[in-house]
């Protein structure tokens, strides 16, 4: 039986783990997990962003870091081999063994639009995050609006 943990303590643990993990994403390491709001325990492992199953090579430099638009926003790089932490935790086999009715997707950064779609599709109750990723508020607002339309609560922790 796992020990009960508060959402706030879980987020602090995840933020601390980012400092300890040798993440493969050169832009920003992100951590995500599932937390059962009904019983206060994590129901999945903590996942990090990075290449798929280590089958793809780890980047030697990040095009997103070194190429920026005139407005200072990140450029979308279609050949980025990274799988987002939120996606990784939502498609992990353990995620399919739990009832998603009380699951909160806990992530250190607000999910992108694609991760938000997957979270909505998987039926999470809420999304808890600590900070934002986007330097583009419009893109973040789109993801947030999708969550609100789907009835997914947004929690800043």
N, C-alpha and C. Protein backbone atom coordinates (compact mmCIF):
# COMPACT_ATOMS: atom_id res chain seq x y z
N UNK A 1 0.85 -1.19 0.00
CA UNK A 1 0.00 0.00 0.00
C UNK A 1 0.89 1.24 0.00
N UNK A 2 0.59 2.14 -0.89
CA UNK A 2 1.36 3.38 -0.97
C UNK A 2 0.91 4.36 0.09
N UNK A 3 1.85 5.18 0.54
CA UNK A 3 1.52 6.22 1.51
C UNK A 3 0.73 7.33 0.83
N UNK A 4 -0.22 7.89 1.58
CA UNK A 4 -0.99 9.03 1.08
C UNK A 4 -0.06 10.24 0.98
N UNK A 5 -0.28 11.07 0.00
CA UNK A 5 0.54 12.26 -0.21
C UNK A 5 -0.37 13.38 -0.70
N UNK A 6 -0.10 14.58 -0.25
CA UNK A 6 -0.89 15.72 -0.72
C UNK A 6 -0.40 16.12 -2.11
N UNK A 7 -1.26 16.79 -2.83
CA UNK A 7 -0.92 17.25 -4.17
C UNK A 7 0.28 18.21 -4.12
N UNK A 8 0.29 19.07 -3.12
CA UNK A 8 1.38 20.04 -2.98
C UNK A 8 2.72 19.33 -2.71
N UNK A 9 2.72 18.32 -1.83
CA UNK A 9 3.95 17.59 -1.54
C UNK A 9 4.42 16.81 -2.77
N UNK A 10 3.46 16.24 -3.51
CA UNK A 10 3.82 15.52 -4.73
C UNK A 10 4.49 16.45 -5.72
N UNK A 11 3.95 17.66 -5.90
CA UNK A 11 4.55 18.61 -6.84
C UNK A 11 5.96 18.98 -6.39
N UNK A 12 6.15 19.21 -5.10
CA UNK A 12 7.50 19.54 -4.60
C UNK A 12 8.46 18.39 -4.84
N UNK A 13 8.00 17.16 -4.63
CA UNK A 13 8.83 15.99 -4.89
C UNK A 13 9.22 15.93 -6.37
N UNK A 14 8.26 16.19 -7.25
CA UNK A 14 8.55 16.15 -8.68
C UNK A 14 9.52 17.24 -9.09
N UNK A 15 9.34 18.44 -8.53
CA UNK A 15 10.26 19.54 -8.85
C UNK A 15 11.67 19.21 -8.36
N UNK A 16 11.77 18.61 -7.17
CA UNK A 16 13.08 18.19 -6.66
C UNK A 16 13.70 17.11 -7.52
N UNK A 17 12.87 16.19 -8.03
CA UNK A 17 13.39 15.09 -8.83
C UNK A 17 13.95 15.58 -10.16
N UNK A 18 13.42 16.69 -10.67
CA UNK A 18 13.95 17.24 -11.93
C UNK A 18 15.40 17.65 -11.75
N UNK A 19 15.72 18.22 -10.59
CA UNK A 19 17.10 18.61 -10.32
C UNK A 19 18.02 17.40 -10.25
N UNK A 20 17.48 16.27 -9.78
CA UNK A 20 18.30 15.08 -9.59
C UNK A 20 18.42 14.23 -10.85
N UNK A 21 17.42 14.30 -11.72
CA UNK A 21 17.41 13.45 -12.90
C UNK A 21 18.29 14.04 -14.00
N UNK A 22 18.92 13.18 -14.74
CA UNK A 22 19.73 13.62 -15.87
C UNK A 22 18.83 13.58 -17.10
N UNK A 23 17.97 14.55 -17.22
CA UNK A 23 17.02 14.57 -18.32
C UNK A 23 17.69 14.74 -19.66
N UNK A 24 17.08 14.15 -20.67
CA UNK A 24 17.69 14.20 -21.99
C UNK A 24 17.21 15.38 -22.83
N UNK A 25 16.18 16.09 -22.39
CA UNK A 25 15.74 17.26 -23.13
C UNK A 25 16.63 18.44 -22.75
N UNK A 26 17.23 19.04 -23.77
CA UNK A 26 18.15 20.13 -23.52
C UNK A 26 17.45 21.46 -23.27
N UNK A 27 16.18 21.56 -23.69
CA UNK A 27 15.47 22.82 -23.49
C UNK A 27 14.95 22.94 -22.07
N UNK A 28 14.19 21.93 -21.62
CA UNK A 28 13.63 21.98 -20.27
C UNK A 28 13.11 20.61 -19.88
N UNK A 29 13.56 20.10 -18.76
CA UNK A 29 13.09 18.80 -18.28
C UNK A 29 11.72 18.98 -17.63
N UNK A 30 10.79 18.10 -17.98
CA UNK A 30 9.44 18.14 -17.45
C UNK A 30 9.14 16.79 -16.80
N UNK A 31 8.44 16.81 -15.68
CA UNK A 31 8.01 15.58 -14.99
C UNK A 31 6.49 15.56 -14.93
N UNK A 32 5.92 14.34 -15.02
CA UNK A 32 4.47 14.18 -14.93
C UNK A 32 4.15 12.84 -14.30
N UNK A 33 3.00 12.79 -13.62
CA UNK A 33 2.51 11.54 -13.05
C UNK A 33 0.99 11.64 -12.91
N UNK A 34 0.36 10.55 -12.51
CA UNK A 34 -1.07 10.54 -12.21
C UNK A 34 -1.24 10.44 -10.70
N UNK A 35 -2.21 11.17 -10.17
CA UNK A 35 -2.50 11.19 -8.73
C UNK A 35 -3.98 10.95 -8.55
N UNK A 36 -4.33 10.02 -7.70
CA UNK A 36 -5.73 9.71 -7.45
C UNK A 36 -6.27 10.64 -6.37
N UNK A 37 -7.16 11.53 -6.74
CA UNK A 37 -7.68 12.52 -5.80
C UNK A 37 -8.58 11.89 -4.75
N UNK A 38 -9.12 10.72 -5.04
CA UNK A 38 -10.00 10.07 -4.08
C UNK A 38 -9.26 9.47 -2.90
N UNK A 39 -8.07 8.92 -3.15
CA UNK A 39 -7.32 8.27 -2.07
C UNK A 39 -5.97 8.91 -1.78
N UNK A 40 -5.58 9.91 -2.58
CA UNK A 40 -4.37 10.67 -2.29
C UNK A 40 -3.07 9.91 -2.51
N UNK A 41 -3.03 9.05 -3.53
CA UNK A 41 -1.79 8.34 -3.85
C UNK A 41 -1.50 8.46 -5.34
N UNK A 42 -0.22 8.34 -5.68
CA UNK A 42 0.13 8.31 -7.09
C UNK A 42 -0.24 6.94 -7.65
N UNK A 43 -0.74 6.93 -8.86
CA UNK A 43 -1.16 5.67 -9.48
C UNK A 43 -0.30 5.31 -10.67
N UNK A 44 0.66 6.14 -10.98
CA UNK A 44 1.56 5.86 -12.08
C UNK A 44 2.95 6.27 -11.69
N UNK A 45 3.91 5.92 -12.50
CA UNK A 45 5.27 6.33 -12.21
C UNK A 45 5.48 7.77 -12.64
N UNK A 46 6.52 8.42 -12.12
CA UNK A 46 6.87 9.76 -12.58
C UNK A 46 7.63 9.58 -13.88
N UNK A 47 7.15 10.24 -14.92
CA UNK A 47 7.77 10.15 -16.23
C UNK A 47 8.39 11.50 -16.60
N UNK A 48 9.41 11.44 -17.44
CA UNK A 48 10.11 12.65 -17.89
C UNK A 48 10.08 12.71 -19.40
N UNK A 49 10.25 13.92 -19.94
CA UNK A 49 10.31 14.07 -21.38
C UNK A 49 11.67 13.60 -21.91
N UNK A 50 11.67 13.09 -23.11
CA UNK A 50 12.91 12.62 -23.72
C UNK A 50 12.63 11.71 -24.90
N UNK A 51 13.68 11.21 -25.55
CA UNK A 51 13.50 10.34 -26.72
C UNK A 51 12.72 9.07 -26.37
N UNK A 52 12.05 8.53 -27.36
CA UNK A 52 11.23 7.34 -27.16
C UNK A 52 12.08 6.12 -26.86
N UNK A 53 11.86 5.55 -25.71
CA UNK A 53 12.49 4.29 -25.31
C UNK A 53 13.97 4.21 -25.64
N UNK A 54 14.62 5.33 -25.69
CA UNK A 54 16.05 5.41 -26.00
C UNK A 54 16.42 4.80 -27.35
N UNK A 55 15.45 4.63 -28.21
CA UNK A 55 15.73 4.12 -29.56
C UNK A 55 16.22 5.22 -30.49
N UNK A 56 15.88 6.44 -30.15
CA UNK A 56 16.34 7.58 -30.95
C UNK A 56 17.52 8.22 -30.23
N UNK A 57 18.44 8.77 -30.97
CA UNK A 57 19.61 9.36 -30.31
C UNK A 57 19.23 10.61 -29.52
N UNK A 58 19.95 10.81 -28.44
CA UNK A 58 19.77 12.01 -27.63
C UNK A 58 20.38 13.18 -28.39
N UNK A 59 19.69 14.29 -28.37
CA UNK A 59 20.16 15.47 -29.10
C UNK A 59 21.51 15.96 -28.56
N UNK A 60 22.36 16.39 -29.47
CA UNK A 60 23.64 16.99 -29.06
C UNK A 60 23.45 18.49 -28.83
N UNK A 61 22.50 19.09 -29.54
CA UNK A 61 22.12 20.48 -29.30
C UNK A 61 20.65 20.60 -29.65
N UNK A 62 19.99 21.59 -29.08
CA UNK A 62 18.56 21.75 -29.28
C UNK A 62 18.28 22.90 -30.24
N UNK A 63 17.62 22.60 -31.34
CA UNK A 63 17.26 23.63 -32.31
C UNK A 63 16.29 24.64 -31.71
N UNK A 64 15.48 24.18 -30.75
CA UNK A 64 14.53 25.10 -30.11
C UNK A 64 15.24 26.13 -29.25
N UNK A 65 16.35 25.74 -28.67
CA UNK A 65 17.11 26.68 -27.84
C UNK A 65 17.87 27.67 -28.70
N UNK A 66 18.47 27.16 -29.77
CA UNK A 66 19.37 28.00 -30.57
C UNK A 66 18.69 28.75 -31.70
N UNK A 67 17.45 28.42 -32.02
CA UNK A 67 16.72 29.15 -33.05
C UNK A 67 15.50 29.79 -32.40
N UNK A 68 15.44 31.07 -32.44
CA UNK A 68 14.29 31.77 -31.86
C UNK A 68 13.73 32.73 -32.90
N UNK A 69 12.44 32.94 -32.83
CA UNK A 69 11.81 33.87 -33.75
C UNK A 69 12.13 35.30 -33.33
N UNK A 70 11.78 36.23 -34.19
CA UNK A 70 12.03 37.65 -33.89
C UNK A 70 11.30 38.11 -32.64
N UNK A 71 10.17 37.47 -32.34
CA UNK A 71 9.39 37.85 -31.16
C UNK A 71 9.93 37.20 -29.89
N UNK A 72 10.94 36.36 -30.00
CA UNK A 72 11.51 35.71 -28.83
C UNK A 72 10.83 34.42 -28.46
N UNK A 73 9.88 33.97 -29.28
CA UNK A 73 9.18 32.71 -28.98
C UNK A 73 9.96 31.52 -29.53
N UNK A 74 9.72 30.37 -28.95
CA UNK A 74 10.35 29.15 -29.44
C UNK A 74 9.79 28.79 -30.81
N UNK A 75 10.64 28.25 -31.64
CA UNK A 75 10.22 27.77 -32.95
C UNK A 75 9.83 26.32 -32.81
N UNK A 76 8.73 25.92 -33.42
CA UNK A 76 8.32 24.53 -33.39
C UNK A 76 9.22 23.74 -34.33
N UNK A 77 9.87 22.75 -33.81
CA UNK A 77 10.77 21.92 -34.60
C UNK A 77 10.08 20.57 -34.79
N UNK A 78 9.77 20.24 -36.03
CA UNK A 78 9.03 19.01 -36.28
C UNK A 78 9.89 17.76 -36.14
N UNK A 79 11.20 17.89 -36.20
CA UNK A 79 12.04 16.70 -36.09
C UNK A 79 12.57 16.49 -34.68
N UNK A 80 11.96 17.11 -33.69
CA UNK A 80 12.36 16.90 -32.30
C UNK A 80 11.96 15.48 -31.89
N UNK A 81 12.90 14.67 -31.39
CA UNK A 81 12.60 13.28 -31.05
C UNK A 81 11.99 13.09 -29.66
N UNK A 82 11.70 14.17 -28.98
CA UNK A 82 11.24 14.07 -27.59
C UNK A 82 9.77 13.67 -27.49
N UNK A 83 9.48 12.82 -26.51
CA UNK A 83 8.11 12.51 -26.13
C UNK A 83 7.85 13.30 -24.86
N UNK A 84 6.75 14.04 -24.83
CA UNK A 84 6.44 14.86 -23.67
C UNK A 84 6.15 13.98 -22.46
N UNK A 85 6.49 14.46 -21.29
CA UNK A 85 6.29 13.71 -20.04
C UNK A 85 4.81 13.38 -19.84
N UNK A 86 3.93 14.31 -20.16
CA UNK A 86 2.49 14.09 -19.99
C UNK A 86 2.02 12.94 -20.89
N UNK A 87 2.48 12.94 -22.13
CA UNK A 87 2.12 11.87 -23.05
C UNK A 87 2.65 10.54 -22.54
N UNK A 88 3.90 10.55 -22.11
CA UNK A 88 4.52 9.31 -21.63
C UNK A 88 3.73 8.71 -20.47
N UNK A 89 3.30 9.52 -19.51
CA UNK A 89 2.57 8.98 -18.36
C UNK A 89 1.16 8.53 -18.76
N UNK A 90 0.53 9.22 -19.71
CA UNK A 90 -0.83 8.86 -20.11
C UNK A 90 -0.89 7.62 -21.00
N UNK A 91 0.20 7.30 -21.70
CA UNK A 91 0.20 6.10 -22.54
C UNK A 91 0.93 4.94 -21.87
N UNK A 92 1.49 5.17 -20.70
CA UNK A 92 2.20 4.11 -19.97
C UNK A 92 1.19 3.01 -19.62
N UNK A 93 1.60 1.75 -19.73
CA UNK A 93 0.67 0.64 -19.44
C UNK A 93 -0.02 0.75 -18.07
N UNK A 94 0.68 1.27 -17.07
CA UNK A 94 0.07 1.40 -15.74
C UNK A 94 -1.14 2.32 -15.77
N UNK A 95 -1.14 3.31 -16.67
CA UNK A 95 -2.25 4.25 -16.75
C UNK A 95 -3.53 3.57 -17.22
N UNK A 96 -3.41 2.46 -17.92
CA UNK A 96 -4.59 1.75 -18.41
C UNK A 96 -5.14 0.77 -17.39
N UNK A 97 -4.48 0.65 -16.25
CA UNK A 97 -4.92 -0.26 -15.20
C UNK A 97 -5.65 0.47 -14.07
N UNK A 98 -5.85 1.77 -14.22
CA UNK A 98 -6.52 2.54 -13.18
C UNK A 98 -7.79 3.18 -13.73
N UNK A 99 -8.74 3.41 -12.84
CA UNK A 99 -9.96 4.12 -13.19
C UNK A 99 -9.61 5.60 -13.29
N UNK A 100 -9.83 6.20 -14.43
CA UNK A 100 -9.42 7.58 -14.66
C UNK A 100 -10.38 8.60 -14.05
N UNK A 101 -11.49 8.16 -13.44
CA UNK A 101 -12.48 9.09 -12.89
C UNK A 101 -11.91 10.06 -11.87
N UNK A 102 -10.98 9.62 -11.03
CA UNK A 102 -10.45 10.48 -9.98
C UNK A 102 -8.99 10.87 -10.24
N UNK A 103 -8.50 10.63 -11.45
CA UNK A 103 -7.10 10.88 -11.73
C UNK A 103 -6.84 12.34 -12.07
N UNK A 104 -5.80 12.86 -11.48
CA UNK A 104 -5.32 14.20 -11.80
C UNK A 104 -3.97 14.04 -12.46
N UNK A 105 -3.81 14.62 -13.63
CA UNK A 105 -2.52 14.64 -14.29
C UNK A 105 -1.71 15.74 -13.62
N UNK A 106 -0.64 15.34 -12.95
CA UNK A 106 0.22 16.28 -12.24
C UNK A 106 1.46 16.47 -13.09
N UNK A 107 1.71 17.69 -13.51
CA UNK A 107 2.83 17.98 -14.39
C UNK A 107 3.52 19.26 -13.94
N UNK A 108 4.82 19.29 -14.08
CA UNK A 108 5.55 20.47 -13.61
C UNK A 108 5.28 21.68 -14.49
N UNK A 109 4.93 21.47 -15.76
CA UNK A 109 4.62 22.57 -16.67
C UNK A 109 3.26 22.37 -17.32
N UNK A 110 2.56 23.44 -17.61
CA UNK A 110 1.25 23.38 -18.23
C UNK A 110 1.35 22.62 -19.56
N UNK A 111 0.44 21.67 -19.81
CA UNK A 111 0.55 20.85 -21.02
C UNK A 111 0.36 21.64 -22.32
N UNK A 112 1.03 21.15 -23.36
CA UNK A 112 0.83 21.71 -24.69
C UNK A 112 -0.54 21.26 -25.21
N UNK A 113 -0.92 21.75 -26.35
CA UNK A 113 -2.21 21.42 -26.94
C UNK A 113 -2.35 19.92 -27.18
N UNK A 114 -1.33 19.27 -27.72
CA UNK A 114 -1.41 17.83 -28.02
C UNK A 114 -1.54 17.00 -26.75
N UNK A 115 -0.78 17.36 -25.72
CA UNK A 115 -0.88 16.64 -24.44
C UNK A 115 -2.23 16.88 -23.79
N UNK A 116 -2.77 18.08 -23.95
CA UNK A 116 -4.09 18.40 -23.41
C UNK A 116 -5.15 17.53 -24.08
N UNK A 117 -5.06 17.38 -25.40
CA UNK A 117 -6.02 16.53 -26.12
C UNK A 117 -5.96 15.10 -25.60
N UNK A 118 -4.76 14.59 -25.40
CA UNK A 118 -4.60 13.23 -24.89
C UNK A 118 -5.15 13.10 -23.46
N UNK A 119 -4.90 14.09 -22.62
CA UNK A 119 -5.42 14.07 -21.25
C UNK A 119 -6.95 14.07 -21.25
N UNK A 120 -7.53 14.87 -22.12
CA UNK A 120 -8.99 14.92 -22.23
C UNK A 120 -9.52 13.58 -22.73
N UNK A 121 -8.87 13.03 -23.73
CA UNK A 121 -9.27 11.74 -24.29
C UNK A 121 -9.19 10.61 -23.25
N UNK A 122 -8.17 10.64 -22.43
CA UNK A 122 -7.99 9.60 -21.39
C UNK A 122 -8.97 9.80 -20.23
N UNK A 123 -9.58 10.97 -20.13
CA UNK A 123 -10.62 11.19 -19.13
C UNK A 123 -10.13 11.67 -17.78
N UNK A 124 -9.00 12.38 -17.73
CA UNK A 124 -8.53 12.86 -16.43
C UNK A 124 -9.53 13.87 -15.85
N UNK A 125 -9.59 13.89 -14.53
CA UNK A 125 -10.51 14.79 -13.82
C UNK A 125 -9.99 16.23 -13.83
N UNK A 126 -8.67 16.36 -13.68
CA UNK A 126 -8.07 17.69 -13.58
C UNK A 126 -6.61 17.62 -14.00
N UNK A 127 -6.04 18.79 -14.21
CA UNK A 127 -4.62 18.92 -14.51
C UNK A 127 -4.03 19.89 -13.52
N UNK A 128 -3.03 19.42 -12.78
CA UNK A 128 -2.33 20.27 -11.81
C UNK A 128 -0.96 20.57 -12.37
N UNK A 129 -0.58 21.84 -12.34
CA UNK A 129 0.73 22.23 -12.88
C UNK A 129 1.36 23.27 -11.97
N UNK A 130 2.66 23.48 -12.15
CA UNK A 130 3.39 24.41 -11.30
C UNK A 130 3.79 25.69 -12.04
N UNK A 131 4.10 25.56 -13.32
CA UNK A 131 4.61 26.70 -14.09
C UNK A 131 4.15 26.55 -15.54
N UNK A 132 4.34 27.60 -16.33
CA UNK A 132 4.00 27.53 -17.74
C UNK A 132 5.25 27.30 -18.57
N UNK A 133 5.06 26.74 -19.73
CA UNK A 133 6.16 26.44 -20.65
C UNK A 133 6.24 27.46 -21.76
N UNK A 134 5.09 27.79 -22.27
CA UNK A 134 5.02 28.61 -23.47
C UNK A 134 5.45 30.05 -23.24
N UNK A 135 6.18 30.56 -24.21
CA UNK A 135 6.40 31.99 -24.26
C UNK A 135 5.33 32.61 -25.15
N UNK A 136 4.44 31.76 -25.65
CA UNK A 136 3.33 32.19 -26.49
C UNK A 136 2.02 32.01 -25.72
N UNK A 137 1.52 33.09 -25.10
CA UNK A 137 0.30 32.98 -24.29
C UNK A 137 -0.92 32.49 -25.08
N UNK A 138 -0.97 32.76 -26.38
CA UNK A 138 -2.11 32.33 -27.18
C UNK A 138 -2.19 30.81 -27.26
N UNK A 139 -1.05 30.15 -27.44
CA UNK A 139 -1.02 28.69 -27.52
C UNK A 139 -1.45 28.07 -26.20
N UNK A 140 -0.97 28.63 -25.10
CA UNK A 140 -1.36 28.14 -23.78
C UNK A 140 -2.85 28.37 -23.54
N UNK A 141 -3.35 29.52 -23.97
CA UNK A 141 -4.77 29.82 -23.79
C UNK A 141 -5.64 28.83 -24.57
N UNK A 142 -5.19 28.39 -25.75
CA UNK A 142 -5.93 27.41 -26.54
C UNK A 142 -6.04 26.09 -25.79
N UNK A 143 -4.94 25.64 -25.22
CA UNK A 143 -4.94 24.39 -24.47
C UNK A 143 -5.84 24.51 -23.24
N UNK A 144 -5.76 25.63 -22.54
CA UNK A 144 -6.60 25.86 -21.37
C UNK A 144 -8.08 25.91 -21.72
N UNK A 145 -8.40 26.53 -22.84
CA UNK A 145 -9.79 26.61 -23.28
C UNK A 145 -10.34 25.23 -23.62
N UNK A 146 -9.51 24.39 -24.22
CA UNK A 146 -9.93 23.02 -24.51
C UNK A 146 -10.29 22.28 -23.22
N UNK A 147 -9.45 22.44 -22.21
CA UNK A 147 -9.71 21.78 -20.92
C UNK A 147 -11.03 22.26 -20.33
N UNK A 148 -11.26 23.56 -20.35
CA UNK A 148 -12.50 24.11 -19.80
C UNK A 148 -13.72 23.60 -20.55
N UNK A 149 -13.63 23.55 -21.89
CA UNK A 149 -14.74 23.05 -22.70
C UNK A 149 -15.05 21.59 -22.38
N UNK A 150 -14.00 20.82 -22.04
CA UNK A 150 -14.18 19.40 -21.75
C UNK A 150 -14.51 19.15 -20.28
N UNK A 151 -14.55 20.20 -19.46
CA UNK A 151 -14.87 20.04 -18.06
C UNK A 151 -13.70 19.55 -17.22
N UNK A 152 -12.50 19.69 -17.72
CA UNK A 152 -11.30 19.30 -16.98
C UNK A 152 -10.85 20.50 -16.15
N UNK A 153 -10.72 20.30 -14.84
CA UNK A 153 -10.31 21.40 -13.96
C UNK A 153 -8.82 21.66 -14.13
N UNK A 154 -8.46 22.93 -13.98
CA UNK A 154 -7.06 23.36 -14.05
C UNK A 154 -6.66 23.83 -12.66
N UNK A 155 -5.59 23.25 -12.11
CA UNK A 155 -5.13 23.59 -10.76
C UNK A 155 -3.69 24.07 -10.79
N UNK A 156 -3.44 25.25 -10.29
CA UNK A 156 -2.07 25.77 -10.17
C UNK A 156 -1.57 25.38 -8.78
N UNK A 157 -0.49 24.62 -8.74
CA UNK A 157 0.05 24.12 -7.47
C UNK A 157 1.38 24.78 -7.20
